Protein backbone atom coordinates (compact mmCIF):
# COMPACT_ATOMS: atom_id res chain seq x y z
CA MET A 1 -11.25 -20.63 116.30
CA ARG A 2 -9.25 -20.78 119.53
CA ALA A 3 -8.00 -24.29 118.75
CA LEU A 4 -6.93 -23.20 115.27
CA ALA A 5 -4.96 -20.27 116.70
CA LEU A 6 -3.27 -22.59 119.20
CA ILE A 7 -2.28 -24.99 116.43
CA ALA A 8 -0.91 -22.10 114.34
CA VAL A 9 1.26 -20.92 117.25
CA PHE A 10 2.60 -24.44 117.83
CA VAL A 11 3.43 -24.98 114.15
CA ALA A 12 5.09 -21.56 113.86
CA GLY A 13 7.23 -22.25 116.94
CA THR A 14 8.27 -25.64 115.61
CA ALA A 15 9.11 -24.20 112.19
CA ALA A 16 11.22 -21.43 113.72
CA ALA A 17 13.22 -23.96 115.74
CA GLN A 18 13.90 -26.01 112.60
CA LEU A 19 15.15 -22.99 110.64
CA ARG A 20 18.05 -22.14 112.91
CA THR A 21 21.50 -22.68 111.56
CA ILE A 22 24.54 -23.13 113.73
CA PRO A 23 27.76 -22.03 112.01
CA ALA A 24 30.09 -24.86 111.01
CA ASP A 25 32.98 -23.25 112.90
CA ALA A 26 31.11 -23.28 116.23
CA GLU A 27 32.84 -25.43 118.84
CA ARG A 28 31.04 -28.01 120.97
CA GLY A 29 31.13 -27.97 124.76
CA GLU A 30 29.34 -28.45 128.05
CA LEU A 31 28.18 -25.20 129.64
CA ARG A 32 27.34 -24.21 133.19
CA HIS A 33 26.48 -20.71 134.42
CA VAL A 34 28.60 -19.58 137.40
CA GLN A 35 27.57 -15.97 138.05
CA GLU A 36 26.71 -12.83 136.07
CA ASN A 37 28.83 -13.05 132.89
CA VAL A 38 31.01 -15.95 134.09
CA ILE A 39 30.39 -19.44 132.73
CA GLU A 40 32.20 -22.76 132.70
CA LEU A 41 32.88 -24.46 129.38
CA ASP A 42 34.05 -28.03 129.82
CA GLY A 43 34.98 -27.22 133.42
CA LYS A 44 37.07 -24.13 132.55
CA ARG A 45 35.91 -20.66 133.64
CA GLU A 46 35.23 -18.29 130.76
CA THR A 47 33.81 -14.80 130.37
CA LEU A 48 30.85 -13.93 128.18
CA ALA A 49 31.50 -11.10 125.75
CA PRO A 50 29.50 -7.89 126.17
CA GLY A 51 26.23 -8.43 124.29
CA ALA A 52 26.70 -12.20 124.14
CA GLN A 53 23.66 -14.17 122.99
CA ILE A 54 22.62 -17.53 124.38
CA ARG A 55 19.93 -19.30 122.37
CA ASP A 56 17.84 -22.14 123.78
CA GLU A 57 16.68 -25.23 121.89
CA ALA A 58 13.79 -23.23 120.38
CA ASN A 59 16.27 -20.53 119.23
CA ARG A 60 15.02 -17.95 121.75
CA ILE A 61 17.54 -15.67 123.43
CA ILE A 62 17.80 -16.47 127.15
CA LEU A 63 19.73 -15.13 130.12
CA PRO A 64 22.82 -17.03 131.34
CA GLY A 65 21.09 -17.98 134.60
CA ALA A 66 18.42 -19.86 132.63
CA VAL A 67 20.91 -22.37 131.26
CA ALA A 68 20.55 -25.82 132.81
CA PRO A 69 23.84 -27.03 134.35
CA GLY A 70 25.70 -29.33 131.99
CA ALA A 71 23.90 -28.16 128.84
CA ILE A 72 25.48 -29.40 125.62
CA VAL A 73 26.15 -26.38 123.42
CA LYS A 74 27.89 -25.04 120.36
CA TYR A 75 29.63 -21.70 120.83
CA ARG A 76 31.72 -19.07 119.08
CA ARG A 77 34.22 -16.56 120.40
CA ASP A 78 34.73 -12.91 119.50
CA ALA A 79 38.04 -11.37 118.38
CA ASN A 80 39.12 -11.00 122.04
CA GLY A 81 38.53 -14.68 122.82
CA ALA A 82 35.39 -14.14 124.92
CA VAL A 83 32.35 -16.36 124.30
CA SER A 84 29.96 -14.31 122.17
CA GLN A 85 27.39 -16.75 120.78
CA VAL A 86 25.96 -19.91 122.33
CA TRP A 87 23.39 -22.37 121.00
CA ILE A 88 21.96 -24.94 123.42
CA LEU A 89 21.62 -28.12 121.39
CA THR A 90 18.46 -30.17 121.10
CA THR A 91 18.81 -33.89 121.76
CA GLN A 92 18.80 -34.49 117.98
CA GLU A 93 21.53 -31.88 117.40
CA ALA A 94 23.62 -33.25 120.26
CA ALA A 95 23.39 -36.77 118.84
CA ARG A 96 24.98 -35.65 115.52
């Protein structure tokens, strides 16, 4: 029973990661967290929008400090130009 439950959790996690869609208008960049709501995109300092979401490779929302330096991402900006959505790309997504 325990092994079956573990397999179900693994399969569900894998399926959820495969279902994510990154909008076609999202831009590609290299991200590094600097401090609090300040990040660097391609070496340029940027501000995260209030309520910004950063999603890891498994599509889970993470805090900015959890982003590995130099992560390859896709991102979108809000109406004010602040970064509002970020998706950390898997190796397969980054290769496309």
